Amino acid sequence: MSWQSTSPNLGEDVLIQITWKAADHEHYNQVRFAFVTDPAWREFASKAGKLWRSGTRRFFYPSPIEMEA
């Protein structure tokens, strides 16, 4: 759904956030498996992996918001 990063001009590590949308965890696992077993991803990951320091995986669900004036 999106690919965002912080500014490289701040003098600190650049953080990159990638957002995926999936119907549920089963669908996420299917899509992720297809993604990480793609040869093009493997080639990119072998080069970019030297830059990665950490990562997180979070799942968010729609939540109703109620606001009072």
Protein backbone atom coordinates (compact mmCIF):
# COMPACT_ATOMS: atom_id res chain seq x y z
CA MET A 1 0.00 0.00 0.00
CA SER A 2 2.85 2.41 0.72
CA TRP A 3 6.59 2.89 1.01
CA GLN A 4 7.78 5.80 3.13
CA SER A 5 11.08 6.93 4.61
CA THR A 6 12.53 9.61 6.83
CA SER A 7 14.77 12.32 5.41
CA PRO A 8 18.41 11.42 4.72
CA ASN A 9 19.30 15.07 5.49
CA LEU A 10 18.80 14.76 9.26
CA GLY A 11 22.18 13.22 9.96
CA GLU A 12 20.73 10.02 11.42
CA ASP A 13 19.78 6.59 10.13
CA VAL A 14 17.03 6.59 7.52
CA LEU A 15 13.96 4.65 8.59
CA ILE A 16 11.85 2.98 5.93
CA GLN A 17 8.28 1.86 6.50
CA ILE A 18 6.55 -0.51 4.11
CA THR A 19 2.81 -1.05 4.54
CA TRP A 20 1.04 -4.09 3.15
CA LYS A 21 -2.69 -4.74 3.15
CA ALA A 22 -3.97 -8.28 3.59
CA ALA A 23 -7.39 -9.73 4.30
CA ASP A 24 -6.10 -11.72 7.30
CA HIS A 25 -2.98 -13.47 8.64
CA GLU A 26 -3.41 -16.45 6.30
CA HIS A 27 -3.50 -14.17 3.26
CA TYR A 28 -0.51 -12.22 4.60
CA ASN A 29 1.51 -15.44 4.96
CA GLN A 30 0.66 -16.49 1.39
CA VAL A 31 1.62 -13.12 -0.09
CA ARG A 32 4.77 -12.84 2.01
CA PHE A 33 5.89 -16.35 1.01
CA ALA A 34 5.45 -15.52 -2.69
CA PHE A 35 7.32 -12.25 -2.17
CA VAL A 36 10.36 -13.58 -0.30
CA THR A 37 10.77 -16.57 -2.62
CA ASP A 38 10.78 -14.35 -5.73
CA PRO A 39 14.29 -14.44 -7.29
CA ALA A 40 14.21 -10.67 -7.90
CA TRP A 41 13.61 -10.08 -4.18
CA ARG A 42 16.44 -12.44 -3.27
CA GLU A 43 18.85 -10.49 -5.47
CA PHE A 44 17.78 -7.16 -3.97
CA ALA A 45 17.85 -8.50 -0.40
CA SER A 46 21.39 -9.83 -0.79
CA LYS A 47 22.55 -6.29 -1.63
CA ALA A 48 20.28 -4.23 0.62
CA GLY A 49 20.60 -6.60 3.58
CA LYS A 50 23.98 -5.09 4.43
CA LEU A 51 22.18 -1.82 5.24
CA TRP A 52 19.45 -3.30 7.47
CA ARG A 53 19.95 -3.01 11.21
CA SER A 54 16.57 -4.07 12.52
CA GLY A 55 12.94 -4.52 11.65
CA THR A 56 9.53 -4.98 13.17
CA ARG A 57 6.32 -6.55 12.03
CA ARG A 58 3.04 -5.16 13.32
CA PHE A 59 -0.54 -5.98 12.47
CA PHE A 60 -3.17 -3.26 12.69
CA TYR A 61 -6.91 -3.75 12.52
CA PRO A 62 -9.68 -1.26 11.79
CA SER A 63 -10.95 0.36 14.94
CA PRO A 64 -13.92 2.67 15.37
CA ILE A 65 -13.07 6.16 16.54
CA GLU A 66 -15.50 8.19 18.56
CA MET A 67 -14.81 11.84 19.17
CA GLU A 68 -16.78 14.15 21.36
CA ALA A 69 -16.77 17.92 21.03
